[in-house]
Structures are given as C-alpha cells and as structure tokens.
Amino acid sequence: MDLVTVTVQISRILDLLEKPELFQPNQLKTACKIIDIVARSIGQGILSDNELARKIARLLGLPKLQKEVRITLVSLTALWDF
C-alpha cells in the first residue's frame, strides 16, 4: 500500500469521525485504533499532511466530539515532533 492510498483512507476516517452517529461503537473504536496504529508506525509522517492536520484540528474544535475520538487525536498530536 502506498502513502497516497493510506492518506486518502485516513482522510475518509477523519471525515466520518465528524459524524459519530454513523458508527456502531465497535466501528468507532476500530477507527480510533487505525489512527493510533498509523501514528505509531513508520508512516506517521502522513498525519502531518496539511489537509489531514486541518481535519484533525477541526475535529478537536468540535464541542461534542466523542471522548474516545478526542483522546485518540490528542494522543496523536503528542506524538508529532514539532
């Protein structure tokens, strides 16, 4: 799998996380786990892509963001090397 494919898939997951009502609880957990796995992998650099970073920032700004999603995204930003 190439980086473009992974970036597109992560982008789709982030878009869906804006609408958690579309997820079953186990699907939400899986989506968060996927983001966590990518963040801790050698491919973590794709998460600093401008578009993905904007989506992550937008999600973190949502007042009703699911707790599990917020924890995942905050943990992700802690892994970034600024």
N, C-alpha and C. Protein backbone atom coordinates (compact mmCIF):
# COMPACT_ATOMS: atom_id res chain seq x y z
N MET A 1 0.85 -1.17 0.00
CA MET A 1 0.00 0.00 0.00
C MET A 1 0.90 1.24 0.00
N ASP A 2 0.57 2.19 -0.84
CA ASP A 2 1.39 3.39 -0.92
C ASP A 2 0.85 4.49 0.01
N LEU A 3 1.66 5.53 0.19
CA LEU A 3 1.29 6.61 1.11
C LEU A 3 0.05 7.37 0.66
N VAL A 4 -0.13 7.52 -0.65
CA VAL A 4 -1.31 8.23 -1.14
C VAL A 4 -2.57 7.47 -0.74
N THR A 5 -2.57 6.17 -0.89
CA THR A 5 -3.73 5.35 -0.52
C THR A 5 -4.02 5.47 0.97
N VAL A 6 -2.97 5.39 1.79
CA VAL A 6 -3.16 5.49 3.24
C VAL A 6 -3.68 6.88 3.60
N THR A 7 -3.14 7.91 2.98
CA THR A 7 -3.59 9.28 3.26
C THR A 7 -5.07 9.44 2.92
N VAL A 8 -5.49 8.91 1.78
CA VAL A 8 -6.90 9.00 1.38
C VAL A 8 -7.78 8.27 2.39
N GLN A 9 -7.36 7.09 2.81
CA GLN A 9 -8.16 6.32 3.76
C GLN A 9 -8.26 7.02 5.12
N ILE A 10 -7.15 7.56 5.61
CA ILE A 10 -7.17 8.29 6.89
C ILE A 10 -8.05 9.53 6.75
N SER A 11 -7.99 10.19 5.63
CA SER A 11 -8.84 11.36 5.39
C SER A 11 -10.31 10.98 5.48
N ARG A 12 -10.67 9.87 4.88
CA ARG A 12 -12.06 9.40 4.94
C ARG A 12 -12.48 9.08 6.37
N ILE A 13 -11.59 8.44 7.11
CA ILE A 13 -11.90 8.12 8.51
C ILE A 13 -12.12 9.40 9.30
N LEU A 14 -11.26 10.38 9.11
CA LEU A 14 -11.41 11.66 9.82
C LEU A 14 -12.72 12.34 9.45
N ASP A 15 -13.10 12.28 8.18
CA ASP A 15 -14.38 12.85 7.76
C ASP A 15 -15.54 12.17 8.48
N LEU A 16 -15.46 10.86 8.57
CA LEU A 16 -16.53 10.11 9.23
C LEU A 16 -16.59 10.37 10.73
N LEU A 17 -15.43 10.63 11.34
CA LEU A 17 -15.41 10.88 12.78
C LEU A 17 -16.15 12.15 13.16
N GLU A 18 -16.39 13.02 12.18
CA GLU A 18 -17.20 14.21 12.43
C GLU A 18 -18.67 13.84 12.64
N LYS A 19 -19.03 12.64 12.22
CA LYS A 19 -20.42 12.17 12.33
C LYS A 19 -20.43 10.83 13.07
N PRO A 20 -20.11 10.83 14.35
CA PRO A 20 -20.00 9.56 15.08
C PRO A 20 -21.32 8.78 15.15
N GLU A 21 -22.43 9.46 14.90
CA GLU A 21 -23.72 8.76 14.93
C GLU A 21 -23.82 7.72 13.81
N LEU A 22 -22.94 7.82 12.81
CA LEU A 22 -22.93 6.86 11.72
C LEU A 22 -22.18 5.58 12.08
N PHE A 23 -21.50 5.59 13.22
CA PHE A 23 -20.69 4.46 13.65
C PHE A 23 -21.40 3.61 14.69
N GLN A 24 -21.19 2.33 14.62
CA GLN A 24 -21.50 1.44 15.74
C GLN A 24 -20.35 1.64 16.73
N PRO A 25 -20.55 1.37 18.02
CA PRO A 25 -19.47 1.58 18.99
C PRO A 25 -18.17 0.84 18.62
N ASN A 26 -18.29 -0.38 18.12
CA ASN A 26 -17.08 -1.13 17.76
C ASN A 26 -16.39 -0.52 16.54
N GLN A 27 -17.16 0.08 15.64
CA GLN A 27 -16.58 0.73 14.46
C GLN A 27 -15.82 2.00 14.87
N LEU A 28 -16.36 2.74 15.82
CA LEU A 28 -15.69 3.94 16.32
C LEU A 28 -14.36 3.55 16.97
N LYS A 29 -14.39 2.49 17.75
CA LYS A 29 -13.17 2.01 18.40
C LYS A 29 -12.13 1.58 17.35
N THR A 30 -12.59 0.91 16.30
CA THR A 30 -11.69 0.47 15.23
C THR A 30 -11.10 1.66 14.49
N ALA A 31 -11.91 2.67 14.21
CA ALA A 31 -11.42 3.87 13.52
C ALA A 31 -10.33 4.55 14.35
N CYS A 32 -10.55 4.66 15.64
CA CYS A 32 -9.55 5.26 16.52
C CYS A 32 -8.28 4.41 16.56
N LYS A 33 -8.45 3.11 16.59
CA LYS A 33 -7.30 2.20 16.62
C LYS A 33 -6.46 2.33 15.34
N ILE A 34 -7.13 2.46 14.19
CA ILE A 34 -6.42 2.63 12.92
C ILE A 34 -5.57 3.89 12.96
N ILE A 35 -6.14 4.98 13.42
CA ILE A 35 -5.39 6.23 13.52
C ILE A 35 -4.20 6.07 14.46
N ASP A 36 -4.41 5.40 15.57
CA ASP A 36 -3.35 5.18 16.55
C ASP A 36 -2.23 4.31 15.95
N ILE A 37 -2.60 3.27 15.22
CA ILE A 37 -1.59 2.39 14.60
C ILE A 37 -0.75 3.17 13.60
N VAL A 38 -1.39 3.96 12.76
CA VAL A 38 -0.65 4.76 11.78
C VAL A 38 0.25 5.76 12.50
N ALA A 39 -0.25 6.38 13.56
CA ALA A 39 0.52 7.38 14.30
C ALA A 39 1.77 6.79 14.93
N ARG A 40 1.72 5.52 15.26
CA ARG A 40 2.85 4.88 15.92
C ARG A 40 3.72 4.07 14.96
N SER A 41 3.40 4.14 13.68
CA SER A 41 4.13 3.37 12.68
C SER A 41 5.17 4.24 11.97
N ILE A 42 5.91 3.61 11.11
CA ILE A 42 6.91 4.33 10.32
C ILE A 42 6.24 5.33 9.37
N GLY A 43 4.96 5.14 9.08
CA GLY A 43 4.23 6.03 8.19
C GLY A 43 3.57 7.21 8.88
N GLN A 44 3.95 7.47 10.12
CA GLN A 44 3.31 8.53 10.89
C GLN A 44 3.41 9.91 10.25
N GLY A 45 4.39 10.10 9.40
CA GLY A 45 4.57 11.39 8.75
C GLY A 45 3.38 11.82 7.91
N ILE A 46 2.60 10.85 7.41
CA ILE A 46 1.44 11.23 6.59
C ILE A 46 0.42 12.00 7.39
N LEU A 47 0.42 11.82 8.71
CA LEU A 47 -0.57 12.51 9.54
C LEU A 47 -0.26 13.99 9.69
N SER A 48 0.93 14.40 9.26
CA SER A 48 1.25 15.83 9.30
C SER A 48 0.96 16.50 7.95
N ASP A 49 0.38 15.73 7.03
CA ASP A 49 -0.10 16.30 5.77
C ASP A 49 -1.02 17.47 6.09
N ASN A 50 -0.89 18.58 5.34
CA ASN A 50 -1.67 19.79 5.65
C ASN A 50 -3.16 19.53 5.74
N GLU A 51 -3.71 18.79 4.79
CA GLU A 51 -5.15 18.52 4.80
C GLU A 51 -5.55 17.70 6.03
N LEU A 52 -4.77 16.67 6.33
CA LEU A 52 -5.10 15.83 7.49
C LEU A 52 -4.95 16.62 8.78
N ALA A 53 -3.90 17.44 8.88
CA ALA A 53 -3.70 18.24 10.08
C ALA A 53 -4.86 19.21 10.30
N ARG A 54 -5.36 19.81 9.21
CA ARG A 54 -6.52 20.71 9.33
C ARG A 54 -7.76 19.94 9.80
N LYS A 55 -7.96 18.74 9.27
CA LYS A 55 -9.11 17.93 9.69
C LYS A 55 -9.01 17.55 11.16
N ILE A 56 -7.81 17.21 11.59
CA ILE A 56 -7.60 16.85 13.00
C ILE A 56 -7.88 18.06 13.89
N ALA A 57 -7.37 19.23 13.50
CA ALA A 57 -7.62 20.45 14.27
C ALA A 57 -9.11 20.77 14.31
N ARG A 58 -9.79 20.61 13.18
CA ARG A 58 -11.23 20.88 13.13
C ARG A 58 -11.98 19.93 14.06
N LEU A 59 -11.61 18.66 14.02
CA LEU A 59 -12.26 17.69 14.91
C LEU A 59 -12.04 18.05 16.37
N LEU A 60 -10.82 18.42 16.72
CA LEU A 60 -10.54 18.78 18.12
C LEU A 60 -11.31 20.01 18.57
N GLY A 61 -11.73 20.84 17.62
CA GLY A 61 -12.51 22.03 17.95
C GLY A 61 -14.00 21.79 18.11
N LEU A 62 -14.44 20.57 17.79
CA LEU A 62 -15.87 20.27 17.91
C LEU A 62 -16.25 20.08 19.37
N PRO A 63 -17.27 20.80 19.84
CA PRO A 63 -17.63 20.70 21.26
C PRO A 63 -18.21 19.34 21.66
N LYS A 64 -18.84 18.64 20.73
CA LYS A 64 -19.48 17.37 21.09
C LYS A 64 -18.72 16.16 20.54
N LEU A 65 -17.41 16.30 20.38
CA LEU A 65 -16.60 15.20 19.88
C LEU A 65 -16.58 14.06 20.89
N GLN A 66 -16.77 12.86 20.40
CA GLN A 66 -16.76 11.68 21.28
C GLN A 66 -15.47 11.64 22.08
N LYS A 67 -15.58 11.23 23.34
CA LYS A 67 -14.42 11.20 24.23
C LYS A 67 -13.30 10.33 23.66
N GLU A 68 -13.63 9.16 23.16
CA GLU A 68 -12.62 8.24 22.63
C GLU A 68 -11.88 8.86 21.43
N VAL A 69 -12.61 9.58 20.60
CA VAL A 69 -12.01 10.23 19.43
C VAL A 69 -11.08 11.35 19.90
N ARG A 70 -11.54 12.15 20.85
CA ARG A 70 -10.72 13.26 21.37
C ARG A 70 -9.42 12.72 21.98
N ILE A 71 -9.51 11.66 22.76
CA ILE A 71 -8.31 11.08 23.37
C ILE A 71 -7.34 10.59 22.30
N THR A 72 -7.87 9.94 21.28
CA THR A 72 -7.02 9.45 20.18
C THR A 72 -6.31 10.59 19.49
N LEU A 73 -7.04 11.66 19.18
CA LEU A 73 -6.45 12.78 18.45
C LEU A 73 -5.47 13.57 19.30
N VAL A 74 -5.76 13.73 20.57
CA VAL A 74 -4.82 14.42 21.46
C VAL A 74 -3.55 13.58 21.61
N SER A 75 -3.70 12.27 21.73
CA SER A 75 -2.52 11.39 21.81
C SER A 75 -1.71 11.48 20.53
N LEU A 76 -2.39 11.56 19.42
CA LEU A 76 -1.73 11.68 18.12
C LEU A 76 -0.90 12.95 18.07
N THR A 77 -1.47 14.06 18.48
CA THR A 77 -0.72 15.32 18.40
C THR A 77 0.46 15.32 19.35
N ALA A 78 0.38 14.56 20.43
CA ALA A 78 1.50 14.44 21.37
C ALA A 78 2.68 13.71 20.72
N LEU A 79 2.40 12.86 19.72
CA LEU A 79 3.45 12.12 19.05
C LEU A 79 4.15 12.94 17.98
N TRP A 80 3.52 14.04 17.54
CA TRP A 80 4.12 14.86 16.50
C TRP A 80 5.37 15.53 17.01
N ASP A 81 6.35 15.59 16.18
CA ASP A 81 7.62 16.24 16.53
C ASP A 81 7.62 17.64 15.94
N PHE A 82 7.26 18.61 16.77
CA PHE A 82 7.15 19.99 16.27
C PHE A 82 8.50 20.60 16.17
